[in-house]
Amino acid sequence: MQIRLEHIYFNDVKLKATTSNKKISDTFKTTLNFDAFLNKEISSNHFSIKLSVILKSKGFNFSVNSIAIFQTDQQLDDNFINSPFCKINAPAIAFPFVRTFISNTTLNSGYDPVILPSFNFVKIYNEEKNSNN
């Protein structure tokens, strides 16, 4: 099966800084959520990953919701959406674009850029799988 990232939309972005200091604290509470779904509005060979990142620090809150749209060369079903590819690989493909968006947005807003760490999607998948058993 061939899969390609077709597009990423940033459909909800909120930045609220209550400090005039351009140096933002390096200690953030970071929350990452993601979910895969079939995107039959486009076609039966598209699926999407919804990624949500929330950053909270003293005097600074930033949230980003995005949708990454992938296209395949085959028809998709619920088995594919629940597969490790959609839970590990697809979010890992889309996440660097979200990470860059966050860095660029903070930089273009006059603050030092926020550079998120990498996330271990395999570990997140395994923890979620173990908690459901």
N, C-alpha and C. Protein backbone atom coordinates (compact mmCIF):
# COMPACT_ATOMS: atom_id res chain seq x y z
N MET A 1 0.85 -1.18 0.00
CA MET A 1 0.00 0.00 0.00
C MET A 1 0.89 1.24 0.00
N GLN A 2 0.58 2.18 -0.85
CA GLN A 2 1.27 3.45 -0.87
C GLN A 2 0.43 4.48 -0.11
N ILE A 3 1.11 5.24 0.73
CA ILE A 3 0.44 6.26 1.54
C ILE A 3 1.24 7.55 1.42
N ARG A 4 0.51 8.65 1.26
CA ARG A 4 1.21 9.94 1.23
C ARG A 4 0.43 10.97 2.03
N LEU A 5 1.17 11.84 2.68
CA LEU A 5 0.58 12.96 3.38
C LEU A 5 0.16 13.98 2.34
N GLU A 6 -1.12 14.25 2.29
CA GLU A 6 -1.65 15.15 1.26
C GLU A 6 -1.67 16.61 1.73
N HIS A 7 -2.08 16.82 2.98
CA HIS A 7 -2.21 18.20 3.46
C HIS A 7 -2.38 18.22 4.98
N ILE A 8 -1.97 19.32 5.59
CA ILE A 8 -2.24 19.54 7.01
C ILE A 8 -2.95 20.88 7.15
N TYR A 9 -4.07 20.86 7.87
CA TYR A 9 -4.82 22.07 8.16
C TYR A 9 -4.65 22.39 9.64
N PHE A 10 -4.43 23.65 9.93
CA PHE A 10 -4.40 24.13 11.31
C PHE A 10 -5.71 24.88 11.51
N ASN A 11 -6.69 24.18 12.08
CA ASN A 11 -8.04 24.71 12.10
C ASN A 11 -8.44 25.40 13.40
N ASP A 12 -7.61 25.36 14.42
CA ASP A 12 -7.92 26.07 15.67
C ASP A 12 -6.60 26.35 16.38
N VAL A 13 -6.22 27.62 16.44
CA VAL A 13 -4.96 28.03 17.06
C VAL A 13 -5.26 29.14 18.06
N LYS A 14 -4.79 28.96 19.29
CA LYS A 14 -4.98 29.98 20.32
C LYS A 14 -3.67 30.22 21.04
N LEU A 15 -3.24 31.48 21.04
CA LEU A 15 -2.02 31.88 21.72
C LEU A 15 -2.37 32.99 22.68
N LYS A 16 -2.07 32.77 23.95
CA LYS A 16 -2.34 33.80 24.95
C LYS A 16 -1.12 33.91 25.84
N ALA A 17 -0.46 35.05 25.75
CA ALA A 17 0.69 35.33 26.59
C ALA A 17 0.34 36.52 27.48
N THR A 18 0.53 36.35 28.77
CA THR A 18 0.21 37.42 29.71
C THR A 18 1.46 38.07 30.26
N THR A 19 2.57 37.85 29.58
CA THR A 19 3.82 38.48 29.99
C THR A 19 4.39 39.23 28.79
N SER A 20 5.06 40.31 29.04
CA SER A 20 5.68 41.07 27.95
C SER A 20 7.11 40.62 27.71
N ASN A 21 7.57 39.66 28.50
CA ASN A 21 8.92 39.14 28.36
C ASN A 21 8.98 38.24 27.13
N LYS A 22 9.89 38.54 26.20
CA LYS A 22 9.96 37.73 24.98
C LYS A 22 10.56 36.36 25.25
N LYS A 23 11.24 36.20 26.37
CA LYS A 23 11.78 34.89 26.76
C LYS A 23 10.71 34.17 27.54
N ILE A 24 10.19 33.12 26.93
CA ILE A 24 9.14 32.33 27.57
C ILE A 24 9.80 31.21 28.35
N SER A 25 9.22 30.87 29.47
CA SER A 25 9.76 29.80 30.30
C SER A 25 9.95 28.53 29.48
N ASP A 26 11.07 27.86 29.71
CA ASP A 26 11.34 26.60 29.00
C ASP A 26 10.57 25.42 29.60
N THR A 27 9.93 25.64 30.74
CA THR A 27 9.21 24.55 31.39
C THR A 27 7.72 24.68 31.08
N PHE A 28 7.28 23.82 30.20
CA PHE A 28 5.89 23.79 29.78
C PHE A 28 5.26 22.49 30.23
N LYS A 29 3.99 22.56 30.52
CA LYS A 29 3.21 21.33 30.62
C LYS A 29 2.67 21.12 29.21
N THR A 30 3.07 20.04 28.58
CA THR A 30 2.69 19.76 27.20
C THR A 30 1.73 18.58 27.17
N THR A 31 0.61 18.77 26.49
CA THR A 31 -0.37 17.71 26.30
C THR A 31 -0.50 17.46 24.81
N LEU A 32 -0.37 16.20 24.42
CA LEU A 32 -0.54 15.81 23.02
C LEU A 32 -1.64 14.77 22.94
N ASN A 33 -2.61 15.03 22.09
CA ASN A 33 -3.67 14.07 21.81
C ASN A 33 -3.76 13.88 20.31
N PHE A 34 -4.09 12.67 19.90
CA PHE A 34 -4.26 12.42 18.47
C PHE A 34 -5.22 11.26 18.28
N ASP A 35 -5.88 11.28 17.13
CA ASP A 35 -6.85 10.24 16.81
C ASP A 35 -6.94 10.10 15.30
N ALA A 36 -7.15 8.89 14.83
CA ALA A 36 -7.28 8.61 13.40
C ALA A 36 -8.74 8.38 13.06
N PHE A 37 -9.12 8.80 11.87
CA PHE A 37 -10.48 8.53 11.39
C PHE A 37 -10.50 8.47 9.88
N LEU A 38 -11.45 7.69 9.37
CA LEU A 38 -11.65 7.63 7.93
C LEU A 38 -12.21 8.95 7.46
N ASN A 39 -11.74 9.42 6.34
CA ASN A 39 -12.20 10.70 5.82
C ASN A 39 -12.99 10.47 4.54
N LYS A 40 -14.17 9.86 4.70
CA LYS A 40 -15.00 9.50 3.55
C LYS A 40 -15.63 10.72 2.87
N GLU A 41 -15.55 11.89 3.52
CA GLU A 41 -16.01 13.12 2.86
C GLU A 41 -15.20 13.38 1.60
N ILE A 42 -13.94 12.98 1.64
CA ILE A 42 -13.06 13.16 0.49
C ILE A 42 -13.19 11.95 -0.44
N SER A 43 -12.84 10.76 0.08
CA SER A 43 -13.00 9.52 -0.68
C SER A 43 -12.73 8.35 0.26
N SER A 44 -12.98 7.14 -0.22
CA SER A 44 -12.78 5.96 0.61
C SER A 44 -11.31 5.55 0.73
N ASN A 45 -10.43 6.28 0.07
CA ASN A 45 -9.00 5.98 0.23
C ASN A 45 -8.26 7.12 0.94
N HIS A 46 -8.99 7.91 1.73
CA HIS A 46 -8.39 8.96 2.55
C HIS A 46 -8.65 8.68 4.03
N PHE A 47 -7.68 9.00 4.84
CA PHE A 47 -7.87 8.99 6.29
C PHE A 47 -7.18 10.22 6.86
N SER A 48 -7.56 10.57 8.07
CA SER A 48 -7.02 11.76 8.71
C SER A 48 -6.55 11.46 10.12
N ILE A 49 -5.60 12.25 10.55
CA ILE A 49 -5.13 12.22 11.93
C ILE A 49 -5.40 13.59 12.51
N LYS A 50 -6.15 13.62 13.59
CA LYS A 50 -6.39 14.87 14.31
C LYS A 50 -5.34 14.95 15.41
N LEU A 51 -4.56 16.02 15.39
CA LEU A 51 -3.52 16.25 16.40
C LEU A 51 -3.86 17.50 17.19
N SER A 52 -3.79 17.39 18.50
CA SER A 52 -4.04 18.51 19.39
C SER A 52 -2.85 18.64 20.34
N VAL A 53 -2.27 19.84 20.39
CA VAL A 53 -1.16 20.11 21.30
C VAL A 53 -1.55 21.30 22.16
N ILE A 54 -1.38 21.14 23.46
CA ILE A 54 -1.64 22.22 24.41
C ILE A 54 -0.37 22.45 25.22
N LEU A 55 0.08 23.71 25.24
CA LEU A 55 1.24 24.10 26.02
C LEU A 55 0.79 25.07 27.09
N LYS A 56 1.16 24.80 28.32
CA LYS A 56 0.83 25.71 29.42
C LYS A 56 2.08 25.99 30.23
N SER A 57 2.26 27.27 30.50
CA SER A 57 3.37 27.72 31.31
C SER A 57 2.90 28.97 32.05
N LYS A 58 3.62 29.39 33.05
CA LYS A 58 3.25 30.61 33.75
C LYS A 58 3.26 31.77 32.77
N GLY A 59 2.12 32.36 32.55
CA GLY A 59 2.02 33.52 31.68
C GLY A 59 1.91 33.22 30.20
N PHE A 60 1.76 31.94 29.84
CA PHE A 60 1.73 31.60 28.42
C PHE A 60 0.91 30.34 28.19
N ASN A 61 -0.08 30.43 27.33
CA ASN A 61 -0.88 29.27 26.93
C ASN A 61 -0.97 29.25 25.41
N PHE A 62 -0.83 28.08 24.85
CA PHE A 62 -0.86 27.94 23.40
C PHE A 62 -1.51 26.60 23.07
N SER A 63 -2.52 26.62 22.23
CA SER A 63 -3.14 25.37 21.80
C SER A 63 -3.27 25.37 20.28
N VAL A 64 -3.04 24.20 19.72
CA VAL A 64 -3.10 24.01 18.27
C VAL A 64 -3.87 22.73 17.99
N ASN A 65 -4.88 22.85 17.16
CA ASN A 65 -5.60 21.68 16.66
C ASN A 65 -5.38 21.62 15.16
N SER A 66 -5.02 20.45 14.69
CA SER A 66 -4.74 20.30 13.27
C SER A 66 -5.28 18.97 12.77
N ILE A 67 -5.45 18.92 11.46
CA ILE A 67 -5.89 17.69 10.81
C ILE A 67 -4.94 17.40 9.67
N ALA A 68 -4.31 16.23 9.71
CA ALA A 68 -3.43 15.78 8.64
C ALA A 68 -4.22 14.80 7.77
N ILE A 69 -4.25 15.07 6.49
CA ILE A 69 -5.01 14.23 5.56
C ILE A 69 -4.03 13.38 4.75
N PHE A 70 -4.26 12.08 4.78
CA PHE A 70 -3.43 11.12 4.07
C PHE A 70 -4.25 10.47 2.96
N GLN A 71 -3.57 10.15 1.87
CA GLN A 71 -4.20 9.46 0.76
C GLN A 71 -3.49 8.13 0.54
N THR A 72 -4.25 7.10 0.25
CA THR A 72 -3.68 5.78 -0.04
C THR A 72 -4.11 5.35 -1.44
N ASP A 73 -3.54 4.26 -1.89
CA ASP A 73 -3.92 3.73 -3.20
C ASP A 73 -4.92 2.58 -3.07
N GLN A 74 -5.49 2.41 -1.86
CA GLN A 74 -6.46 1.33 -1.63
C GLN A 74 -7.65 1.86 -0.83
N GLN A 75 -8.74 1.13 -0.91
CA GLN A 75 -9.92 1.45 -0.09
C GLN A 75 -9.58 1.13 1.38
N LEU A 76 -10.08 1.95 2.28
CA LEU A 76 -9.77 1.79 3.70
C LEU A 76 -11.00 1.35 4.48
N ASP A 77 -10.75 0.72 5.62
CA ASP A 77 -11.84 0.29 6.50
C ASP A 77 -11.44 0.53 7.95
N ASP A 78 -12.33 0.14 8.87
CA ASP A 78 -12.07 0.36 10.30
C ASP A 78 -10.85 -0.42 10.80
N ASN A 79 -10.56 -1.58 10.20
CA ASN A 79 -9.38 -2.34 10.61
C ASN A 79 -8.11 -1.53 10.36
N PHE A 80 -8.06 -0.84 9.25
CA PHE A 80 -6.89 -0.01 8.95
C PHE A 80 -6.77 1.14 9.95
N ILE A 81 -7.89 1.79 10.25
CA ILE A 81 -7.88 2.94 11.17
C ILE A 81 -7.41 2.53 12.56
N ASN A 82 -7.69 1.30 12.95
CA ASN A 82 -7.27 0.82 14.27
C ASN A 82 -5.92 0.13 14.25
N SER A 83 -5.25 0.15 13.11
CA SER A 83 -3.95 -0.52 12.98
C SER A 83 -2.84 0.32 13.62
N PRO A 84 -1.73 -0.33 13.93
CA PRO A 84 -0.59 0.42 14.46
C PRO A 84 -0.11 1.54 13.53
N PHE A 85 -0.28 1.37 12.22
CA PHE A 85 0.16 2.44 11.32
C PHE A 85 -0.55 3.75 11.65
N CYS A 86 -1.86 3.69 11.87
CA CYS A 86 -2.63 4.91 12.16
C CYS A 86 -2.43 5.40 13.58
N LYS A 87 -1.95 4.55 14.45
CA LYS A 87 -1.73 4.93 15.84
C LYS A 87 -0.28 5.33 16.13
N ILE A 88 0.64 4.93 15.25
CA ILE A 88 2.07 5.21 15.49
C ILE A 88 2.67 6.01 14.32
N ASN A 89 2.66 5.41 13.14
CA ASN A 89 3.39 5.97 12.00
C ASN A 89 2.77 7.27 11.48
N ALA A 90 1.48 7.28 11.25
CA ALA A 90 0.85 8.48 10.68
C ALA A 90 0.99 9.69 11.61
N PRO A 91 0.74 9.55 12.93
CA PRO A 91 0.98 10.72 13.80
C PRO A 91 2.45 11.14 13.81
N ALA A 92 3.36 10.17 13.73
CA ALA A 92 4.78 10.50 13.72
C ALA A 92 5.18 11.23 12.43
N ILE A 93 4.48 10.95 11.34
CA ILE A 93 4.74 11.66 10.08
C ILE A 93 4.22 13.09 10.16
N ALA A 94 3.05 13.28 10.75
CA ALA A 94 2.42 14.60 10.79
C ALA A 94 2.99 15.50 11.89
N PHE A 95 3.45 14.93 12.98
CA PHE A 95 3.86 15.72 14.13
C PHE A 95 4.96 16.75 13.84
N PRO A 96 5.99 16.43 13.05
CA PRO A 96 7.03 17.45 12.80
C PRO A 96 6.47 18.73 12.16
N PHE A 97 5.41 18.62 11.37
CA PHE A 97 4.81 19.81 10.79
C PHE A 97 4.12 20.65 11.86
N VAL A 98 3.48 20.00 12.81
CA VAL A 98 2.84 20.71 13.92
C VAL A 98 3.91 21.35 14.80
N ARG A 99 4.96 20.62 15.05
CA ARG A 99 6.07 21.12 15.86
C ARG A 99 6.68 22.38 15.24
N THR A 100 6.90 22.35 13.92
CA THR A 100 7.44 23.50 13.21
C THR A 100 6.47 24.67 13.24
N PHE A 101 5.18 24.39 13.08
CA PHE A 101 4.17 25.43 13.12
C PHE A 101 4.21 26.16 14.47
N ILE A 102 4.32 25.40 15.55
CA ILE A 102 4.37 25.99 16.89
C ILE A 102 5.63 26.86 17.04
N SER A 103 6.76 26.37 16.60
CA SER A 103 8.01 27.15 16.69
C SER A 103 7.90 28.44 15.89
N ASN A 104 7.42 28.34 14.66
CA ASN A 104 7.31 29.52 13.80
C ASN A 104 6.28 30.52 14.33
N THR A 105 5.17 30.03 14.84
CA THR A 105 4.13 30.93 15.35
C THR A 105 4.63 31.70 16.57
N THR A 106 5.29 31.03 17.48
CA THR A 106 5.81 31.76 18.66
C THR A 106 6.88 32.75 18.23
N LEU A 107 7.76 32.34 17.32
CA LEU A 107 8.80 33.25 16.84
C LEU A 107 8.19 34.46 16.12
N ASN A 108 7.23 34.22 15.24
CA ASN A 108 6.59 35.32 14.50
C ASN A 108 5.69 36.19 15.37
N SER A 109 5.38 35.71 16.58
CA SER A 109 4.59 36.50 17.51
C SER A 109 5.48 37.36 18.41
N GLY A 110 6.80 37.30 18.19
CA GLY A 110 7.71 38.16 18.94
C GLY A 110 8.36 37.48 20.13
N TYR A 111 8.11 36.19 20.31
CA TYR A 111 8.68 35.46 21.44
C TYR A 111 9.81 34.57 20.95
N ASP A 112 10.61 34.10 21.88
CA ASP A 112 11.59 33.08 21.52
C ASP A 112 10.81 31.85 21.05
N PRO A 113 11.31 31.15 20.04
CA PRO A 113 10.55 30.01 19.52
C PRO A 113 10.46 28.88 20.54
N VAL A 114 9.28 28.29 20.61
CA VAL A 114 9.08 27.10 21.44
C VAL A 114 9.42 25.90 20.58
N ILE A 115 10.37 25.12 21.03
CA ILE A 115 10.77 23.92 20.29
C ILE A 115 10.37 22.72 21.13
N LEU A 116 9.35 22.03 20.64
CA LEU A 116 8.84 20.86 21.36
C LEU A 116 9.81 19.70 21.26
N PRO A 117 9.83 18.87 22.28
CA PRO A 117 10.64 17.65 22.19
C PRO A 117 9.97 16.65 21.24
N SER A 118 10.71 15.64 20.88
CA SER A 118 10.11 14.55 20.12
C SER A 118 9.22 13.73 21.04
N PHE A 119 8.23 13.09 20.46
CA PHE A 119 7.36 12.20 21.22
C PHE A 119 7.57 10.78 20.72
N ASN A 120 7.54 9.83 21.64
CA ASN A 120 7.69 8.42 21.30
C ASN A 120 6.30 7.83 21.06
N PHE A 121 5.88 7.79 19.81
CA PHE A 121 4.54 7.32 19.49
C PHE A 121 4.36 5.82 19.74
N VAL A 122 5.44 5.06 19.66
CA VAL A 122 5.37 3.63 19.98
C VAL A 122 5.04 3.47 21.47
N LYS A 123 5.71 4.23 22.30
CA LYS A 123 5.47 4.16 23.75
C LYS A 123 4.04 4.60 24.08
N ILE A 124 3.57 5.67 23.45
CA ILE A 124 2.19 6.14 23.68
C ILE A 124 1.20 5.06 23.27
N TYR A 125 1.42 4.44 22.12
CA TYR A 125 0.55 3.36 21.63
C TYR A 125 0.53 2.19 22.60
N ASN A 126 1.72 1.76 23.05
CA ASN A 126 1.80 0.62 23.98
C ASN A 126 1.14 0.94 25.31
N GLU A 127 1.32 2.14 25.82
CA GLU A 127 0.68 2.52 27.08
C GLU A 127 -0.84 2.53 26.94
N GLU A 128 -1.32 3.05 25.81
CA GLU A 128 -2.77 3.07 25.57
C GLU A 128 -3.32 1.66 25.43
N LYS A 129 -2.59 0.81 24.72
CA LYS A 129 -3.01 -0.58 24.52
C LYS A 129 -3.06 -1.32 25.86
N ASN A 130 -2.04 -1.11 26.70
CA ASN A 130 -1.98 -1.77 28.01
C ASN A 130 -3.06 -1.27 28.94
N SER A 131 -3.42 0.00 28.86
CA SER A 131 -4.45 0.54 29.75
C SER A 131 -5.84 0.06 29.35
N ASN A 132 -6.00 -0.35 28.09
CA ASN A 132 -7.30 -0.86 27.63
C ASN A 132 -7.48 -2.35 27.92
N ASN A 133 -6.42 -3.03 28.36
CA ASN A 133 -6.52 -4.46 28.67
C ASN A 133 -6.89 -4.69 30.09
